[in-house]
Structure formats: C-alpha cells, structure tokens
C-alpha cells in the first residue's frame, strides 16, 4: 500500500481542511502527513481497494477507510477522541 499522492489528496481536500482546523493544532509536515507534537499522527494511503487513513490510536496505527462521507466522519470522530 503506497502513500497517497497529490491527486488522491486533492480528492480528500474537504477532509484535510477539517483535520487542519482541529485543536490542538496538528502540524502538517508534508501534504496529508500530520504530526502531533513531534510524533507522526495521521497520514493517508492509496490502494486498489480505496483510500485509507492511518491514525495513531493509543500508540498504535489504526487504519480507517475514507472513501465516503460516512467513513470520513468516523475518522474525524476517532481523531477528535485522540485529541482530547
């Protein structure tokens, strides 16, 4: 599974904007690669099965599909839980 390219990330722009506005702020060290403090926290993958986000949950990477609005909402809920 490869990291999402700029074309894939462009399709996710509304989701990426939501991520960029989270508090505490995440640092985007490259397009679609987010860090919390100095730790990798969220990034995206492109796969024949779809687009996926890897989110660090309790120190472990968890994979979330982000192909539909409903899937993206689940990711943002999980993201908010981790940022509490």
C-alpha atoms as a PDB file:
ATOM      1  CA  UNK A   1       0.000   0.000   0.000  1.00  0.00           C
ATOM      2  CA  UNK A   2       1.557   3.291  -1.078  1.00  0.00           C
ATOM      3  CA  UNK A   3       1.218   6.704   0.492  1.00  0.00           C
ATOM      4  CA  UNK A   4      -1.439   8.827  -1.156  1.00  0.00           C
ATOM      5  CA  UNK A   5      -0.191  11.022  -3.984  1.00  0.00           C
ATOM      6  CA  UNK A   6      -1.188  14.637  -4.583  1.00  0.00           C
ATOM      7  CA  UNK A   7      -4.022  13.623  -6.917  1.00  0.00           C
ATOM      8  CA  UNK A   8      -5.574  11.400  -4.243  1.00  0.00           C
ATOM      9  CA  UNK A   9      -5.075  14.042  -1.560  1.00  0.00           C
ATOM     10  CA  UNK A  10      -6.802  16.619  -3.776  1.00  0.00           C
ATOM     11  CA  UNK A  11      -9.912  14.413  -3.698  1.00  0.00           C
ATOM     12  CA  UNK A  12      -9.702  14.481   0.112  1.00  0.00           C
ATOM     13  CA  UNK A  13      -9.266  18.266   0.403  1.00  0.00           C
ATOM     14  CA  UNK A  14     -12.507  18.879   2.371  1.00  0.00           C
ATOM     15  CA  UNK A  15     -11.432  16.219   4.878  1.00  0.00           C
ATOM     16  CA  UNK A  16      -7.897  17.608   5.045  1.00  0.00           C
ATOM     17  CA  UNK A  17      -9.304  21.077   5.792  1.00  0.00           C
ATOM     18  CA  UNK A  18     -11.276  19.610   8.696  1.00  0.00           C
ATOM     19  CA  UNK A  19      -8.118  17.963  10.028  1.00  0.00           C
ATOM     20  CA  UNK A  20      -6.137  21.206   9.712  1.00  0.00           C
ATOM     21  CA  UNK A  21      -8.674  23.019  11.901  1.00  0.00           C
ATOM     22  CA  UNK A  22      -8.521  20.591  14.819  1.00  0.00           C
ATOM     23  CA  UNK A  23      -7.426  21.774  18.277  1.00  0.00           C
ATOM     24  CA  UNK A  24      -4.800  21.170  19.493  1.00  0.00           C
ATOM     25  CA  UNK A  25      -3.392  22.007  16.121  1.00  0.00           C
ATOM     26  CA  UNK A  26      -1.672  19.280  14.200  1.00  0.00           C
ATOM     27  CA  UNK A  27       1.467  20.123  12.261  1.00  0.00           C
ATOM     28  CA  UNK A  28       1.314  19.189   8.577  1.00  0.00           C
ATOM     29  CA  UNK A  29       4.903  18.268   7.703  1.00  0.00           C
ATOM     30  CA  UNK A  30       4.037  17.345   4.143  1.00  0.00           C
ATOM     31  CA  UNK A  31       0.801  17.286   2.214  1.00  0.00           C
ATOM     32  CA  UNK A  32      -1.506  14.915   4.095  1.00  0.00           C
ATOM     33  CA  UNK A  33       1.104  13.948   6.741  1.00  0.00           C
ATOM     34  CA  UNK A  34       0.170  15.235  10.186  1.00  0.00           C
ATOM     35  CA  UNK A  35       2.158  15.235  13.407  1.00  0.00           C
ATOM     36  CA  UNK A  36       1.082  15.786  16.999  1.00  0.00           C
ATOM     37  CA  UNK A  37       3.998  17.453  18.735  1.00  0.00           C
ATOM     38  CA  UNK A  38       6.943  15.556  17.204  1.00  0.00           C
ATOM     39  CA  UNK A  39       5.140  12.248  16.631  1.00  0.00           C
ATOM     40  CA  UNK A  40       3.654  11.048  13.342  1.00  0.00           C
ATOM     41  CA  UNK A  41      -0.086  11.002  13.947  1.00  0.00           C
ATOM     42  CA  UNK A  42      -2.093  10.772  10.704  1.00  0.00           C
ATOM     43  CA  UNK A  43      -1.348  10.018   7.058  1.00  0.00           C
ATOM     44  CA  UNK A  44      -3.142   8.611   4.028  1.00  0.00           C
ATOM     45  CA  UNK A  45      -2.678   5.636   1.695  1.00  0.00           C
ATOM     46  CA  UNK A  46      -3.894   4.842  -1.789  1.00  0.00           C
ATOM     47  CA  UNK A  47      -4.725   1.217  -2.502  1.00  0.00           C
ATOM     48  CA  UNK A  48      -6.664  -0.627  -5.213  1.00  0.00           C
ATOM     49  CA  UNK A  49      -9.295  -1.236  -2.507  1.00  0.00           C
ATOM     50  CA  UNK A  50      -9.659   2.520  -1.878  1.00  0.00           C
ATOM     51  CA  UNK A  51      -8.201   5.370   0.139  1.00  0.00           C
ATOM     52  CA  UNK A  52      -7.256   4.776   3.764  1.00  0.00           C
ATOM     53  CA  UNK A  53      -6.070   6.891   6.676  1.00  0.00           C
ATOM     54  CA  UNK A  54      -3.675   5.634   9.322  1.00  0.00           C
ATOM     55  CA  UNK A  55      -4.336   7.301  12.683  1.00  0.00           C
ATOM     56  CA  UNK A  56      -2.204   6.741  15.776  1.00  0.00           C
ATOM     57  CA  UNK A  57      -4.572   5.439  18.481  1.00  0.00           C
ATOM     58  CA  UNK A  58      -3.041   4.758  21.890  1.00  0.00           C
ATOM     59  CA  UNK A  59       0.396   4.449  20.313  1.00  0.00           C
ATOM     60  CA  UNK A  60      -0.666   2.017  17.572  1.00  0.00           C
ATOM     61  CA  UNK A  61      -1.595   2.714  13.952  1.00  0.00           C
ATOM     62  CA  UNK A  62      -5.255   2.091  13.147  1.00  0.00           C
ATOM     63  CA  UNK A  63      -6.434   2.044   9.542  1.00  0.00           C
ATOM     64  CA  UNK A  64      -9.680   3.782   8.511  1.00  0.00           C
ATOM     65  CA  UNK A  65     -11.263   3.749   5.052  1.00  0.00           C
ATOM     66  CA  UNK A  66     -12.058   7.322   3.922  1.00  0.00           C
ATOM     67  CA  UNK A  67     -13.850   6.801   0.604  1.00  0.00           C
ATOM     68  CA  UNK A  68     -17.290   8.089   1.614  1.00  0.00           C
ATOM     69  CA  UNK A  69     -18.590  10.964   3.723  1.00  0.00           C
ATOM     70  CA  UNK A  70     -19.702   8.455   6.379  1.00  0.00           C
ATOM     71  CA  UNK A  71     -16.233   6.876   6.531  1.00  0.00           C
ATOM     72  CA  UNK A  72     -14.622  10.306   6.758  1.00  0.00           C
ATOM     73  CA  UNK A  73     -16.969  11.210   9.630  1.00  0.00           C
ATOM     74  CA  UNK A  74     -15.831   8.090  11.514  1.00  0.00           C
ATOM     75  CA  UNK A  75     -12.219   9.149  11.043  1.00  0.00           C
ATOM     76  CA  UNK A  76     -12.854  12.669  12.330  1.00  0.00           C
ATOM     77  CA  UNK A  77     -14.667  11.240  15.371  1.00  0.00           C
ATOM     78  CA  UNK A  78     -11.697   8.975  16.108  1.00  0.00           C
ATOM     79  CA  UNK A  79      -9.331  11.898  15.547  1.00  0.00           C
ATOM     80  CA  UNK A  80     -11.244  14.087  17.998  1.00  0.00           C
ATOM     81  CA  UNK A  81     -11.203  11.299  20.589  1.00  0.00           C
ATOM     82  CA  UNK A  82      -7.417  11.060  20.322  1.00  0.00           C
ATOM     83  CA  UNK A  83      -7.001  14.826  20.666  1.00  0.00           C
ATOM     84  CA  UNK A  84      -8.966  15.063  23.945  1.00  0.00           C
END
